[in-house]
C-alpha atoms as a PDB file:
ATOM      1  CA  MET A   1     109.701  48.777  74.724  1.00  0.00           C
ATOM      2  CA  PRO A   2     109.489  45.281  73.316  1.00  0.00           C
ATOM      3  CA  VAL A   3     106.303  43.421  74.161  1.00  0.00           C
ATOM      4  CA  VAL A   4     107.505  40.083  72.834  1.00  0.00           C
ATOM      5  CA  ARG A   5     109.001  37.929  75.556  1.00  0.00           C
ATOM      6  CA  PHE A   6     111.778  35.407  75.002  1.00  0.00           C
ATOM      7  CA  SER A   7     109.606  32.616  76.434  1.00  0.00           C
ATOM      8  CA  GLU A   8     106.930  33.386  73.816  1.00  0.00           C
ATOM      9  CA  PHE A   9     109.301  34.016  70.933  1.00  0.00           C
ATOM     10  CA  LEU A  10     111.283  30.804  71.158  1.00  0.00           C
ATOM     11  CA  PRO A  11     108.420  28.325  70.631  1.00  0.00           C
ATOM     12  CA  ASP A  12     106.882  30.561  67.956  1.00  0.00           C
ATOM     13  CA  ILE A  13     110.078  30.753  65.924  1.00  0.00           C
ATOM     14  CA  GLN A  14     110.629  27.021  66.346  1.00  0.00           C
ATOM     15  CA  GLN A  15     107.140  26.382  64.978  1.00  0.00           C
ATOM     16  CA  ILE A  16     107.781  28.569  61.940  1.00  0.00           C
ATOM     17  CA  GLY A  17     111.172  26.977  61.261  1.00  0.00           C
ATOM     18  CA  ASN A  18     110.095  23.387  61.909  1.00  0.00           C
ATOM     19  CA  GLY A  19     111.417  21.142  59.140  1.00  0.00           C
ATOM     20  CA  VAL A  20     112.929  24.022  57.181  1.00  0.00           C
ATOM     21  CA  VAL A  21     116.372  23.245  55.790  1.00  0.00           C
ATOM     22  CA  VAL A  22     117.410  26.084  53.519  1.00  0.00           C
ATOM     23  CA  GLY A  23     118.783  24.689  50.295  1.00  0.00           C
ATOM     24  CA  GLN A  24     116.874  21.438  50.594  1.00  0.00           C
ATOM     25  CA  THR A  25     114.351  20.832  47.817  1.00  0.00           C
ATOM     26  CA  GLY A  26     110.969  22.288  48.769  1.00  0.00           C
ATOM     27  CA  TRP A  27     112.167  24.294  51.767  1.00  0.00           C
ATOM     28  CA  GLU A  28     110.307  27.393  50.562  1.00  0.00           C
ATOM     29  CA  THR A  29     107.025  25.452  50.546  1.00  0.00           C
ATOM     30  CA  VAL A  30     107.649  24.070  54.023  1.00  0.00           C
ATOM     31  CA  LEU A  31     108.375  27.580  55.311  1.00  0.00           C
ATOM     32  CA  GLU A  32     105.267  29.037  53.658  1.00  0.00           C
ATOM     33  CA  ASN A  33     103.083  26.262  55.070  1.00  0.00           C
ATOM     34  CA  ASN A  34     104.570  26.848  58.529  1.00  0.00           C
ATOM     35  CA  LYS A  35     103.890  30.592  58.267  1.00  0.00           C
ATOM     36  CA  GLN A  36     100.293  29.981  57.250  1.00  0.00           C
ATOM     37  CA  SER A  37      99.769  27.535  60.085  1.00  0.00           C
ATOM     38  CA  PHE A  38     101.384  29.857  62.603  1.00  0.00           C
ATOM     39  CA  ALA A  39      99.323  32.880  61.523  1.00  0.00           C
ATOM     40  CA  ALA A  40      96.117  30.843  61.695  1.00  0.00           C
ATOM     41  CA  GLN A  41      96.933  29.615  65.195  1.00  0.00           C
ATOM     42  CA  PHE A  42      98.187  33.030  66.345  1.00  0.00           C
ATOM     43  CA  THR A  43      94.919  34.743  65.392  1.00  0.00           C
ATOM     44  CA  GLN A  44      93.058  32.233  67.574  1.00  0.00           C
ATOM     45  CA  ARG A  45      95.085  32.865  70.731  1.00  0.00           C
ATOM     46  CA  ALA A  46      93.126  34.375  73.600  1.00  0.00           C
ATOM     47  CA  ARG A  47      95.337  37.462  73.730  1.00  0.00           C
ATOM     48  CA  PHE A  48      94.690  38.130  70.036  1.00  0.00           C
ATOM     49  CA  THR A  49      90.960  37.415  70.081  1.00  0.00           C
ATOM     50  CA  THR A  50      90.565  39.657  73.117  1.00  0.00           C
ATOM     51  CA  ALA A  51      92.283  42.524  71.321  1.00  0.00           C
ATOM     52  CA  PHE A  52      90.644  41.721  67.961  1.00  0.00           C
ATOM     53  CA  PRO A  53      87.221  40.158  68.559  1.00  0.00           C
ATOM     54  CA  THR A  54      85.502  38.529  65.587  1.00  0.00           C
ATOM     55  CA  SER A  55      82.612  40.985  66.018  1.00  0.00           C
ATOM     56  CA  MET A  56      84.821  43.703  64.484  1.00  0.00           C
ATOM     57  CA  THR A  57      84.055  44.653  60.921  1.00  0.00           C
ATOM     58  CA  PRO A  58      86.786  43.876  58.392  1.00  0.00           C
ATOM     59  CA  ALA A  59      87.637  47.580  58.151  1.00  0.00           C
ATOM     60  CA  GLN A  60      87.880  47.907  61.947  1.00  0.00           C
ATOM     61  CA  PHE A  61      90.057  44.789  62.153  1.00  0.00           C
ATOM     62  CA  VAL A  62      92.470  45.881  59.427  1.00  0.00           C
ATOM     63  CA  ASP A  63      92.585  49.461  60.693  1.00  0.00           C
ATOM     64  CA  LYS A  64      93.420  48.310  64.226  1.00  0.00           C
ATOM     65  CA  LEU A  65      96.155  45.985  62.928  1.00  0.00           C
ATOM     66  CA  ASN A  66      97.509  48.833  60.846  1.00  0.00           C
ATOM     67  CA  THR A  67      97.374  51.331  63.715  1.00  0.00           C
ATOM     68  CA  ASN A  68      99.174  48.920  66.040  1.00  0.00           C
ATOM     69  CA  ALA A  69     101.863  48.455  63.376  1.00  0.00           C
ATOM     70  CA  GLY A  70     102.384  52.207  62.975  1.00  0.00           C
ATOM     71  CA  ASN A  71     100.153  52.806  59.943  1.00  0.00           C
ATOM     72  CA  VAL A  72     102.306  50.852  57.516  1.00  0.00           C
ATOM     73  CA  LEU A  73      99.638  49.994  54.928  1.00  0.00           C
ATOM     74  CA  SER A  74      99.047  52.070  51.825  1.00  0.00           C
ATOM     75  CA  SER A  75      95.419  52.721  50.946  1.00  0.00           C
ATOM     76  CA  THR A  76      95.693  49.986  48.297  1.00  0.00           C
ATOM     77  CA  ASP A  77      97.155  47.492  50.790  1.00  0.00           C
ATOM     78  CA  ARG A  78      94.420  48.402  53.278  1.00  0.00           C
ATOM     79  CA  ALA A  79      91.710  47.804  50.687  1.00  0.00           C
ATOM     80  CA  THR A  80      93.304  44.481  49.711  1.00  0.00           C
ATOM     81  CA  ALA A  81      93.358  43.324  53.341  1.00  0.00           C
ATOM     82  CA  ILE A  82      89.731  44.317  53.888  1.00  0.00           C
ATOM     83  CA  ALA A  83      88.745  42.546  50.655  1.00  0.00           C
ATOM     84  CA  LEU A  84      90.066  39.266  52.072  1.00  0.00           C
ATOM     85  CA  PHE A  85      86.825  39.107  54.074  1.00  0.00           C
ATOM     86  CA  GLY A  86      84.618  39.455  50.989  1.00  0.00           C
ATOM     87  CA  SER A  87      81.208  40.853  51.849  1.00  0.00           C
ATOM     88  CA  ALA A  88      81.318  39.708  55.487  1.00  0.00           C
ATOM     89  CA  THR A  89      80.218  42.151  58.160  1.00  0.00           C
ATOM     90  CA  ASN A  90      82.434  40.584  60.824  1.00  0.00           C
ATOM     91  CA  THR A  91      85.861  38.969  60.983  1.00  0.00           C
ATOM     92  CA  SER A  92      84.927  35.438  61.962  1.00  0.00           C
ATOM     93  CA  ASN A  93      86.662  34.043  58.847  1.00  0.00           C
ATOM     94  CA  THR A  94      89.843  32.703  60.466  1.00  0.00           C
ATOM     95  CA  THR A  95      91.654  32.303  57.152  1.00  0.00           C
ATOM     96  CA  ALA A  96      91.043  35.933  56.226  1.00  0.00           C
ATOM     97  CA  ARG A  97      92.118  37.066  59.703  1.00  0.00           C
ATOM     98  CA  ALA A  98      95.410  35.198  59.341  1.00  0.00           C
ATOM     99  CA  GLN A  99      95.998  36.522  55.828  1.00  0.00           C
ATOM    100  CA  ALA A 100      95.294  40.109  56.880  1.00  0.00           C
ATOM    101  CA  LEU A 101      97.627  39.743  59.858  1.00  0.00           C
ATOM    102  CA  ARG A 102     100.387  38.454  57.587  1.00  0.00           C
ATOM    103  CA  GLN A 103      99.837  41.273  55.121  1.00  0.00           C
ATOM    104  CA  VAL A 104     100.506  43.793  57.878  1.00  0.00           C
ATOM    105  CA  ALA A 105     103.279  41.796  59.566  1.00  0.00           C
ATOM    106  CA  GLU A 106     105.141  41.220  56.302  1.00  0.00           C
ATOM    107  CA  SER A 107     104.798  44.797  55.089  1.00  0.00           C
ATOM    108  CA  GLN A 108     108.087  46.265  53.898  1.00  0.00           C
ATOM    109  CA  ASN A 109     107.118  49.513  55.610  1.00  0.00           C
ATOM    110  CA  LEU A 110     106.809  47.696  58.938  1.00  0.00           C
ATOM    111  CA  SER A 111     110.130  45.963  58.369  1.00  0.00           C
ATOM    112  CA  ASN A 112     111.825  49.269  57.596  1.00  0.00           C
ATOM    113  CA  ALA A 113     110.289  50.988  60.620  1.00  0.00           C
ATOM    114  CA  GLU A 114     111.026  48.203  63.110  1.00  0.00           C
ATOM    115  CA  PHE A 115     114.291  46.731  61.841  1.00  0.00           C
ATOM    116  CA  ASN A 116     116.629  48.389  64.359  1.00  0.00           C
ATOM    117  CA  ARG A 117     114.414  47.659  67.349  1.00  0.00           C
ATOM    118  CA  ALA A 118     113.975  44.046  66.229  1.00  0.00           C
ATOM    119  CA  PHE A 119     117.703  43.664  65.602  1.00  0.00           C
ATOM    120  CA  VAL A 120     118.565  44.805  69.125  1.00  0.00           C
ATOM    121  CA  LEU A 121     115.905  42.517  70.583  1.00  0.00           C
ATOM    122  CA  MET A 122     117.353  39.588  68.628  1.00  0.00           C
ATOM    123  CA  GLN A 123     120.777  40.335  70.133  1.00  0.00           C
ATOM    124  CA  PHE A 124     119.304  39.832  73.597  1.00  0.00           C
ATOM    125  CA  PHE A 125     117.338  36.742  72.556  1.00  0.00           C
ATOM    126  CA  GLY A 126     120.079  35.181  70.450  1.00  0.00           C
ATOM    127  CA  TYR A 127     123.276  35.958  72.334  1.00  0.00           C
ATOM    128  CA  LEU A 128     122.137  36.457  75.905  1.00  0.00           C
ATOM    129  CA  ARG A 129     119.072  34.175  75.764  1.00  0.00           C
ATOM    130  CA  ARG A 130     117.019  36.587  77.851  1.00  0.00           C
ATOM    131  CA  ASN A 131     114.612  39.492  77.767  1.00  0.00           C
ATOM    132  CA  PRO A 132     116.167  42.953  77.628  1.00  0.00           C
ATOM    133  CA  ASP A 133     114.545  43.855  80.967  1.00  0.00           C
ATOM    134  CA  ASP A 134     115.647  40.732  82.834  1.00  0.00           C
ATOM    135  CA  PRO A 135     118.260  41.231  85.528  1.00  0.00           C
ATOM    136  CA  GLN A 136     120.803  42.953  85.093  1.00  0.00           C
ATOM    137  CA  ASP A 137     118.870  45.403  82.924  1.00  0.00           C
ATOM    138  CA  THR A 138     115.514  45.576  84.683  1.00  0.00           C
ATOM    139  CA  ASP A 139     114.770  49.009  83.241  1.00  0.00           C
ATOM    140  CA  TYR A 140     115.728  48.420  79.556  1.00  0.00           C
ATOM    141  CA  THR A 141     118.903  50.490  79.956  1.00  0.00           C
ATOM    142  CA  GLY A 142     120.984  48.068  77.907  1.00  0.00           C
ATOM    143  CA  TYR A 143     118.337  47.764  75.208  1.00  0.00           C
ATOM    144  CA  ASP A 144     118.013  51.548  74.980  1.00  0.00           C
ATOM    145  CA  PHE A 145     121.796  51.954  74.812  1.00  0.00           C
ATOM    146  CA  TRP A 146     122.142  49.526  71.905  1.00  0.00           C
ATOM    147  CA  LEU A 147     119.129  50.876  70.064  1.00  0.00           C
ATOM    148  CA  THR A 148     120.499  54.416  70.339  1.00  0.00           C
ATOM    149  CA  LYS A 149     123.905  53.267  69.147  1.00  0.00           C
ATOM    150  CA  LEU A 150     122.455  51.339  66.213  1.00  0.00           C
ATOM    151  CA  ASN A 151     120.340  54.346  65.244  1.00  0.00           C
ATOM    152  CA  GLN A 152     123.453  56.577  65.421  1.00  0.00           C
ATOM    153  CA  PHE A 153     125.111  54.268  62.888  1.00  0.00           C
ATOM    154  CA  ASN A 154     122.012  54.310  60.644  1.00  0.00           C
ATOM    155  CA  GLY A 155     121.355  50.621  61.248  1.00  0.00           C
ATOM    156  CA  ASN A 156     124.881  49.518  60.381  1.00  0.00           C
ATOM    157  CA  PHE A 157     125.431  46.930  63.112  1.00  0.00           C
ATOM    158  CA  VAL A 158     128.978  46.182  61.912  1.00  0.00           C
ATOM    159  CA  ASN A 159     130.126  49.765  62.388  1.00  0.00           C
ATOM    160  CA  ALA A 160     128.205  49.940  65.669  1.00  0.00           C
ATOM    161  CA  GLU A 161     130.168  46.825  66.730  1.00  0.00           C
ATOM    162  CA  MET A 162     127.043  45.270  68.151  1.00  0.00           C
ATOM    163  CA  VAL A 163     127.690  41.599  67.510  1.00  0.00           C
ATOM    164  CA  LYS A 164     131.285  41.970  68.658  1.00  0.00           C
ATOM    165  CA  ALA A 165     130.152  43.665  71.861  1.00  0.00           C
ATOM    166  CA  PHE A 166     127.536  41.026  72.645  1.00  0.00           C
ATOM    167  CA  ILE A 167     129.816  38.036  72.116  1.00  0.00           C
ATOM    168  CA  SER A 168     132.667  39.621  74.036  1.00  0.00           C
ATOM    169  CA  SER A 169     130.447  40.692  76.941  1.00  0.00           C
ATOM    170  CA  VAL A 170     131.087  39.235  80.376  1.00  0.00           C
ATOM    171  CA  GLU A 171     127.491  38.014  80.512  1.00  0.00           C
ATOM    172  CA  TYR A 172     127.849  36.074  77.252  1.00  0.00           C
ATOM    173  CA  ARG A 173     131.280  34.704  78.078  1.00  0.00           C
ATOM    174  CA  THR A 174     130.167  33.616  81.560  1.00  0.00           C
ATOM    175  CA  ARG A 175     127.117  31.868  80.182  1.00  0.00           C
ATOM    176  CA  PHE A 176     128.523  30.353  77.001  1.00  0.00           C
ATOM    177  CA  GLY A 177     132.291  30.861  76.957  1.00  0.00           C
ATOM    178  CA  PRO A 178     135.107  28.477  77.736  1.00  0.00           C
END
């Protein structure tokens, strides 16, 4: 089940997209700077530092990130992430922590593994502006239905008619329709 909540996601995505106008000169630099800033701040949040204390060795830190992500790093990627900490015996280097987090988070393997689940979650966040377990779906029934359907169509959301279903739903129309 998704652990990201709409109330957490919205400000985070706004921070990453702040000042980004695709097509405008330098937008890629603005986006990259925003990502770096976000990752640095994210790794200093209490929830993160509790789960990943700076007393961890670089190998422990990277291995725990990788395990939580479903073991998406190759042995080369793992070694690269650990090397970000140099010869340190702990992970107090906040820049290296942020870079290692991004390496895992931006892994193509993670993207491939999580795409369908993330897509369904974005339908709830984007169209319904709520968490998938908020009322009326307090037990993730709707989320599970759409994830199963998307998986049945091998990730083809057009053939699964997902967007069409969300924007024609009574909930969407009641909230945002004419």
